[in-house]
């Protein structure tokens, strides 16, 4: 079969077939009666092999090597192609997100658009100082969309940079709480923790409701942060988690102080005291936990708390009894 007919039937252009010939990838091996080179059935089969491999993303050089290697293993090649495709899709997705962020900022003119691009580069810099500088950049000249800041907040591990980003998000306007939603629902506890830290700096009932939902988080660090923030807002639902933090020794001093503040509300004082007393009974022989709970009682400015401390002066655990006695005798 001559080159023109092969091109017409295969859909591969004559120019590409000549290119394959020059590369030694597919050369017509037949001859017509008048001496013209023709493609044999095997040559045409090889053309379709080449086209099939090209459709998977292989270069012509890779195709030539694969077809020339008798020990060629398709599974290895396919695995490599999958990885390369996934990497390309990731890059494309990152580009798409960046374009959406620029679009969300509604830049007026190229100068504003390039300013947003520069900030995006700043947020992804490997240097913490550069990321912090981007977070603290004046928003009047280049307004940063809340979505951009939220994404940076959820990814940031440096505490100083994270603080600057949360500050920027709180003053960025827009629905900052909605932009943090992916982080609040993340399967990674570290991301949920960063999201709760940001929510804690957003005022309003919706943010408080989100903190209350996070009290059910399976990770103590996450629900503990939610409890500290919710408790500071006067939410009584935080009490059980704050007591748990004291028992576990996780930010126990701060948790005790928040309980003390909450107990100023007459309606919360009795439930707090009951929770602390129950925890003292449940911890049994855990002296360290019972000492922390005893210290927490000192933060509760009620007669009931002082009475419980008096009872603890006769506690079977002498270490706890001595600490309780010291507090009771203190002016």
Protein backbone atom coordinates (compact mmCIF):
# COMPACT_ATOMS: atom_id res chain seq x y z
CA UNK A 1 0.00 0.00 0.00
CA UNK A 2 1.43 3.36 -1.06
CA UNK A 3 1.87 6.22 1.39
CA UNK A 4 -1.10 8.23 0.12
CA UNK A 5 -3.52 5.36 0.59
CA UNK A 6 -2.10 4.53 4.02
CA UNK A 7 -2.56 8.16 5.07
CA UNK A 8 -6.14 8.19 3.80
CA UNK A 9 -7.12 4.93 5.52
CA UNK A 10 -5.21 5.34 8.78
CA UNK A 11 -5.87 9.03 9.41
CA UNK A 12 -2.12 9.61 9.89
CA UNK A 13 -0.93 12.37 7.56
CA UNK A 14 1.57 11.61 4.83
CA UNK A 15 3.88 14.19 6.39
CA UNK A 16 3.83 12.34 9.72
CA UNK A 17 4.39 9.00 7.98
CA UNK A 18 7.48 10.45 6.30
CA UNK A 19 8.61 11.72 9.70
CA UNK A 20 8.21 8.22 11.12
CA UNK A 21 10.23 6.90 8.18
CA UNK A 22 13.06 9.42 8.73
CA UNK A 23 13.23 8.50 12.42
CA UNK A 24 13.33 4.81 11.59
CA UNK A 25 10.13 4.34 13.58
CA UNK A 26 7.99 2.90 10.76
CA UNK A 27 9.63 2.28 7.40
CA UNK A 28 7.76 0.76 4.46
CA UNK A 29 9.33 -2.62 3.83
CA UNK A 30 7.41 -3.71 0.73
CA UNK A 31 8.13 -2.99 -2.92
CA UNK A 32 5.70 -2.60 -5.80
CA UNK A 33 6.31 -4.21 -9.18
CA UNK A 34 7.70 -0.94 -10.47
CA UNK A 35 10.03 -0.55 -7.50
CA UNK A 36 8.10 1.90 -5.31
CA UNK A 37 8.28 1.35 -1.56
CA UNK A 38 5.01 0.19 -0.04
CA UNK A 39 3.70 -0.45 3.45
CA UNK A 40 3.14 -4.08 4.29
CA UNK A 41 0.43 -5.37 6.59
CA UNK A 42 3.00 -5.58 9.39
CA UNK A 43 4.12 -1.98 8.74
CA UNK A 44 0.54 -0.75 9.03
CA UNK A 45 0.10 -2.70 12.25
CA UNK A 46 3.22 -0.95 13.59
CA UNK A 47 1.77 2.45 12.59
CA UNK A 48 -1.26 1.77 14.75
CA UNK A 49 1.00 0.64 17.59
CA UNK A 50 2.86 3.94 17.35
CA UNK A 51 -0.35 5.96 17.27
CA UNK A 52 -1.74 4.04 20.25
CA UNK A 53 1.36 4.78 22.34
CA UNK A 54 1.32 8.43 21.23
CA UNK A 55 -2.26 8.71 22.49
CA UNK A 56 -0.97 7.70 25.95
CA UNK A 57 1.44 10.63 25.97
CA UNK A 58 4.73 8.95 25.00
CA UNK A 59 7.27 10.84 22.95
CA UNK A 60 8.38 9.38 19.64
CA UNK A 61 11.78 8.59 21.16
CA UNK A 62 10.12 6.66 23.99
CA UNK A 63 7.91 4.83 21.51
CA UNK A 64 10.93 3.80 19.45
CA UNK A 65 12.71 2.48 22.53
CA UNK A 66 9.63 0.59 23.69
CA UNK A 67 9.04 -1.09 20.34
CA UNK A 68 12.72 -1.98 19.96
CA UNK A 69 12.98 -3.61 23.39
CA UNK A 70 11.98 -7.30 23.40
CA UNK A 71 11.74 -7.20 27.22
CA UNK A 72 9.43 -4.18 27.17
CA UNK A 73 6.92 -4.34 30.05
CA UNK A 74 3.78 -2.28 29.40
CA UNK A 75 2.77 -2.18 33.08
CA UNK A 76 5.95 -0.30 34.05
CA UNK A 77 5.42 2.23 31.28
CA UNK A 78 1.73 2.67 32.11
CA UNK A 79 2.59 3.23 35.77
CA UNK A 80 5.07 5.93 34.80
CA UNK A 81 2.51 7.54 32.50
CA UNK A 82 -0.07 7.58 35.27
CA UNK A 83 2.37 9.38 37.57
CA UNK A 84 3.29 11.91 34.91
CA UNK A 85 -0.37 12.55 34.13
CA UNK A 86 -1.24 12.99 37.80
CA UNK A 87 1.62 15.47 38.19
CA UNK A 88 0.43 17.40 35.16
CA UNK A 89 -3.14 17.45 36.45
CA UNK A 90 -1.91 18.73 39.80
CA UNK A 91 -0.02 21.55 38.09
CA UNK A 92 -3.06 22.36 35.99
CA UNK A 93 -5.29 22.35 39.07
CA UNK A 94 -2.92 24.71 40.86
CA UNK A 95 -2.95 27.00 37.84
CA UNK A 96 -6.74 26.87 37.72
CA UNK A 97 -7.00 27.79 41.40
CA UNK A 98 -4.56 30.64 40.93
CA UNK A 99 -6.57 31.98 37.99
CA UNK A 100 -9.77 31.75 40.03
CA UNK A 101 -8.15 33.65 42.87
CA UNK A 102 -7.02 36.41 40.54
CA UNK A 103 -10.50 36.51 39.02
CA UNK A 104 -12.14 36.64 42.50
CA UNK A 105 -10.11 39.74 43.35
CA UNK A 106 -11.73 41.52 40.37
CA UNK A 107 -8.54 43.38 39.45
CA UNK A 108 -8.93 46.65 37.56
CA UNK A 109 -6.14 46.65 35.00
CA UNK A 110 -3.01 44.57 34.63
CA UNK A 111 -1.18 46.33 37.44
CA UNK A 112 -3.73 45.13 39.99
CA UNK A 113 -3.77 41.63 38.49
CA UNK A 114 0.01 41.38 38.67
CA UNK A 115 -0.15 42.63 42.25
CA UNK A 116 -2.40 39.68 43.16
CA UNK A 117 -0.06 37.29 41.36
CA UNK A 118 2.87 38.69 43.35
CA UNK A 119 0.97 38.15 46.61
CA UNK A 120 0.14 34.59 45.62
CA UNK A 121 3.83 33.95 45.02
CA UNK A 122 4.51 35.48 48.43
CA UNK A 123 2.06 33.15 50.17
CA UNK A 124 3.73 30.10 48.60
CA UNK A 125 7.31 31.25 49.25
CA UNK A 126 9.58 28.74 51.03
CA UNK A 127 10.70 31.55 53.32
CA UNK A 128 8.55 32.31 56.38
CA UNK A 129 9.55 35.98 56.43
CA UNK A 130 8.38 36.42 52.84
CA UNK A 131 5.05 34.73 53.57
CA UNK A 132 4.55 36.94 56.62
CA UNK A 133 5.38 40.04 54.57
CA UNK A 134 2.73 39.04 52.04
CA UNK A 135 0.16 38.55 54.81
CA UNK A 136 0.88 41.99 56.27
CA UNK A 137 0.90 43.81 52.92
CA UNK A 138 -1.55 46.73 52.72
CA UNK A 139 -4.86 45.48 51.33
CA UNK A 140 -5.99 48.89 50.12
CA UNK A 141 -3.69 48.84 47.09
CA UNK A 142 -4.18 45.14 46.31
CA UNK A 143 -7.30 43.66 47.96
CA UNK A 144 -6.69 39.99 48.74
CA UNK A 145 -9.72 37.68 48.42
CA UNK A 146 -10.69 35.89 51.62
CA UNK A 147 -10.41 32.58 49.72
CA UNK A 148 -6.71 33.24 49.09
CA UNK A 149 -6.04 34.05 52.73
CA UNK A 150 -8.05 31.08 53.99
CA UNK A 151 -6.12 28.66 51.79
CA UNK A 152 -2.85 30.12 53.10
CA UNK A 153 -4.09 29.92 56.71
CA UNK A 154 -4.99 26.25 56.37
CA UNK A 155 -1.59 25.38 54.90
CA UNK A 156 0.65 27.52 57.14
CA UNK A 157 2.74 25.76 59.81
CA UNK A 158 4.87 28.65 61.04
CA UNK A 159 3.05 30.15 64.07
CA UNK A 160 4.13 33.73 63.39
CA UNK A 161 3.10 33.63 59.76
CA UNK A 162 -0.15 31.86 60.68
CA UNK A 163 -0.98 34.61 63.17
CA UNK A 164 -0.41 37.28 60.53
CA UNK A 165 -2.58 35.40 58.04
CA UNK A 166 -5.42 34.99 60.55
CA UNK A 167 -5.24 38.71 61.27
CA UNK A 168 -5.38 39.48 57.56
CA UNK A 169 -8.31 37.10 57.07
CA UNK A 170 -10.25 38.68 59.95
CA UNK A 171 -9.97 42.13 58.35
CA UNK A 172 -10.35 41.02 54.74
CA UNK A 173 -14.14 41.20 54.77
CA UNK A 174 -16.36 38.78 52.91
CA UNK A 175 -17.49 35.47 54.34
CA UNK A 176 -14.30 34.34 56.05
CA UNK A 177 -16.14 31.55 57.84
CA UNK A 178 -17.30 29.99 54.57
CA UNK A 179 -13.78 30.08 53.15
CA UNK A 180 -12.55 28.06 56.14
CA UNK A 181 -15.16 25.35 55.64
CA UNK A 182 -12.83 22.97 53.73
CA UNK A 183 -10.38 23.12 56.64
CA UNK A 184 -13.07 22.53 59.25
CA UNK A 185 -14.17 19.39 57.38
CA UNK A 186 -10.64 18.16 56.60
CA UNK A 187 -9.64 14.59 57.42
CA UNK A 188 -6.35 15.95 58.82
CA UNK A 189 -6.41 17.05 62.46
CA UNK A 190 -3.64 19.62 61.91
CA UNK A 191 -5.67 21.36 59.22
CA UNK A 192 -8.83 21.34 61.38
CA UNK A 193 -6.81 22.83 64.24
CA UNK A 194 -5.55 25.68 62.05
CA UNK A 195 -9.11 26.27 60.85
CA UNK A 196 -10.43 26.48 64.43
CA UNK A 197 -7.68 28.94 65.35
CA UNK A 198 -8.89 31.16 62.51
CA UNK A 199 -12.57 30.75 63.39
CA UNK A 200 -11.76 31.82 66.95
CA UNK A 201 -10.77 35.25 65.63
CA UNK A 202 -14.00 35.74 63.70
CA UNK A 203 -16.75 37.42 65.74
CA UNK A 204 -20.43 36.55 65.54
CA UNK A 205 -22.92 33.83 66.34
CA UNK A 206 -22.13 31.74 63.27
CA UNK A 207 -18.48 31.48 64.26
CA UNK A 208 -19.51 30.56 67.81
CA UNK A 209 -21.80 27.85 66.45
CA UNK A 210 -18.89 26.45 64.43
CA UNK A 211 -16.77 26.34 67.58
CA UNK A 212 -19.53 24.45 69.39
CA UNK A 213 -19.67 21.89 66.56
CA UNK A 214 -15.91 21.42 66.85
CA UNK A 215 -16.33 20.39 70.51
CA UNK A 216 -17.22 16.97 69.09
CA UNK A 217 -13.98 16.66 67.13
CA UNK A 218 -12.26 13.28 67.66
CA UNK A 219 -8.88 14.97 68.23
CA UNK A 220 -8.35 16.45 71.71
CA UNK A 221 -6.07 19.21 70.41
CA UNK A 222 -8.77 20.39 67.99
CA UNK A 223 -11.71 20.14 70.39
CA UNK A 224 -9.54 21.62 73.14
CA UNK A 225 -8.83 24.71 71.05
CA UNK A 226 -12.53 24.95 70.22
CA UNK A 227 -13.36 24.67 73.93
CA UNK A 228 -10.91 27.42 74.87
CA UNK A 229 -12.36 29.73 72.23
CA UNK A 230 -15.99 28.84 72.96
CA UNK A 231 -15.46 29.01 76.73
CA UNK A 232 -13.93 32.46 76.35
CA UNK A 233 -17.17 33.45 74.62
CA UNK A 234 -19.18 32.22 77.59
CA UNK A 235 -20.43 28.99 75.99
CA UNK A 236 -21.26 26.45 78.77
CA UNK A 237 -21.03 23.51 76.31
CA UNK A 238 -17.25 23.91 76.51
CA UNK A 239 -17.14 22.84 80.18
CA UNK A 240 -16.76 19.04 79.69
CA UNK A 241 -13.89 19.50 77.22
CA UNK A 242 -12.14 22.05 79.48
CA UNK A 243 -12.34 19.56 82.35
CA UNK A 244 -11.02 16.83 80.03
CA UNK A 245 -8.07 19.08 79.17
CA UNK A 246 -7.27 19.50 82.87
CA UNK A 247 -7.39 15.74 83.39
CA UNK A 248 -5.15 15.10 80.38
CA UNK A 249 -2.78 17.98 81.17
CA UNK A 250 -3.40 19.73 77.84
CA UNK A 251 -3.31 23.53 78.33
CA UNK A 252 -4.73 22.76 81.77
CA UNK A 253 -3.82 26.11 83.36
CA UNK A 254 -5.63 28.07 80.66
CA UNK A 255 -8.56 25.65 80.78
CA UNK A 256 -8.86 26.17 84.56
CA UNK A 257 -8.78 29.96 84.15
CA UNK A 258 -11.56 29.82 81.56
CA UNK A 259 -13.64 27.64 83.90
CA UNK A 260 -13.10 30.22 86.61
CA UNK A 261 -14.40 32.96 84.33
CA UNK A 262 -17.38 30.86 83.26
CA UNK A 263 -18.26 30.09 86.90
CA UNK A 264 -18.95 33.79 87.47
CA UNK A 265 -22.26 33.05 85.76
CA UNK A 266 -24.43 31.60 88.52
CA UNK A 267 -26.06 29.19 86.09
CA UNK A 268 -22.70 27.72 85.07
CA UNK A 269 -21.01 27.50 88.49
CA UNK A 270 -22.81 24.37 89.72
CA UNK A 271 -22.34 22.35 86.48
CA UNK A 272 -18.63 23.27 86.48
CA UNK A 273 -18.21 22.21 90.10
CA UNK A 274 -20.11 18.98 89.43
CA UNK A 275 -17.90 18.23 86.41
CA UNK A 276 -14.70 18.79 88.41
CA UNK A 277 -15.97 16.64 91.31
CA UNK A 278 -16.94 13.85 88.91
CA UNK A 279 -13.53 13.97 87.27
CA UNK A 280 -11.85 13.72 90.68
CA UNK A 281 -13.81 10.54 91.38
CA UNK A 282 -13.15 9.05 87.95
CA UNK A 283 -9.39 9.64 87.88
CA UNK A 284 -8.90 7.25 90.80
CA UNK A 285 -5.20 6.80 91.52
CA UNK A 286 -3.96 9.24 88.89
CA UNK A 287 -2.27 11.62 91.30
CA UNK A 288 -1.08 14.07 88.62
CA UNK A 289 -4.58 14.47 87.15
CA UNK A 290 -6.17 14.87 90.60
CA UNK A 291 -3.60 17.53 91.52
CA UNK A 292 -4.49 19.49 88.38
CA UNK A 293 -8.19 19.21 89.19
CA UNK A 294 -7.54 20.35 92.75
CA UNK A 295 -5.66 23.37 91.46
CA UNK A 296 -8.53 24.11 89.07
CA UNK A 297 -10.94 24.29 92.02
CA UNK A 298 -9.02 27.28 93.32
CA UNK A 299 -10.09 29.20 90.19
CA UNK A 300 -13.78 28.68 91.05
CA UNK A 301 -14.85 31.57 93.32
CA UNK A 302 -17.79 29.82 94.99
CA UNK A 303 -18.52 28.39 98.41
CA UNK A 304 -19.13 25.02 96.82
CA UNK A 305 -15.61 24.91 95.39
CA UNK A 306 -14.11 25.84 98.74
CA UNK A 307 -16.18 23.15 100.47
CA UNK A 308 -14.93 20.54 98.01
CA UNK A 309 -11.36 21.64 98.72
CA UNK A 310 -11.99 21.16 102.44
CA UNK A 311 -13.19 17.60 101.81
CA UNK A 312 -10.06 16.94 99.77
CA UNK A 313 -7.90 17.76 102.80
CA UNK A 314 -8.86 14.26 104.03
CA UNK A 315 -8.25 12.62 100.66
CA UNK A 316 -6.72 9.15 100.69
CA UNK A 317 -4.02 10.45 98.35
CA UNK A 318 -1.75 12.34 100.75
CA UNK A 319 -0.25 14.48 97.99
CA UNK A 320 -3.71 15.70 96.98
CA UNK A 321 -4.67 16.19 100.64
CA UNK A 322 -1.61 18.34 101.33
CA UNK A 323 -2.25 20.52 98.27
CA UNK A 324 -5.91 20.97 99.22
CA UNK A 325 -4.90 21.88 102.79
CA UNK A 326 -2.47 24.51 101.51
CA UNK A 327 -5.20 26.10 99.42
CA UNK A 328 -7.76 26.02 102.24
CA UNK A 329 -5.33 27.66 104.67
CA UNK A 330 -4.32 30.32 102.18
CA UNK A 331 -5.93 33.73 102.86
